[in-house]
Amino acid sequence: MQVLVGMIGPMRNQTKATPREPVRIVAKRSRKRSVALKLTVIARQLRVTFDQSAEQSGLTRAQWTLIATVARNPGATQRIIAEALEVREITAGRLVDRLCKEGYLRRQENPSNRRAYCVYLTRAAQPLLDKLDELAKIHEAAIFAGFEARDVEQLDAYLDVIARNLSRIRTVRAVAK
């Protein structure tokens, strides 16, 4: 149970001020809500920590996420990339343009859709992927220090269940629209 302490003062339209009194507001918080909030905080901390490591290596978040996305999805279109990065297509397009100019990506005509292009990594991206892989290994070692292999497997299984539940929620909401 979480206890919030606040102060009550005069209401906006009240002409005479009354002394402020401390008020205890009790907000019940379930274990599930605590875990959900903790997951949100941890996800943000994971992103920020890795971003800081990547930036120290000279990579921006936009660069490393786009390169990693294309490495996992060779031939992806800007639409697929935008969905993976959770940005608008125009934003993904600008990122792709920049990395194409820097020589890390290349566009190729999509044989099934003349209006779309497939995006691929170039050989120049390999050193960046190697650097990202090394950073990820260091990051993972620090994050999972004290975990046994079976602990990581169990955590992974729990997170898979949560991901499926969230996917169902999104599907239901999409159908309801």
Foldseek 3Di string as FASTA:
>chain_A
DDKDKDWDWDDPPDDDIDDIDIDIDDDDDDPVNVVVVVVVVVVVVLLVVLQVVVVVVVDHPLRVLLLVVCVVPFQDWLVVSCVSVVHDSVVSVVSLVVVVVVVQKDWAADPVDRVITTIHGDPVCVVVVVVSVVSVVVSVCVVQPPPDPVNVVVVVVVVVVVVVVVVVVVVVVVVVD
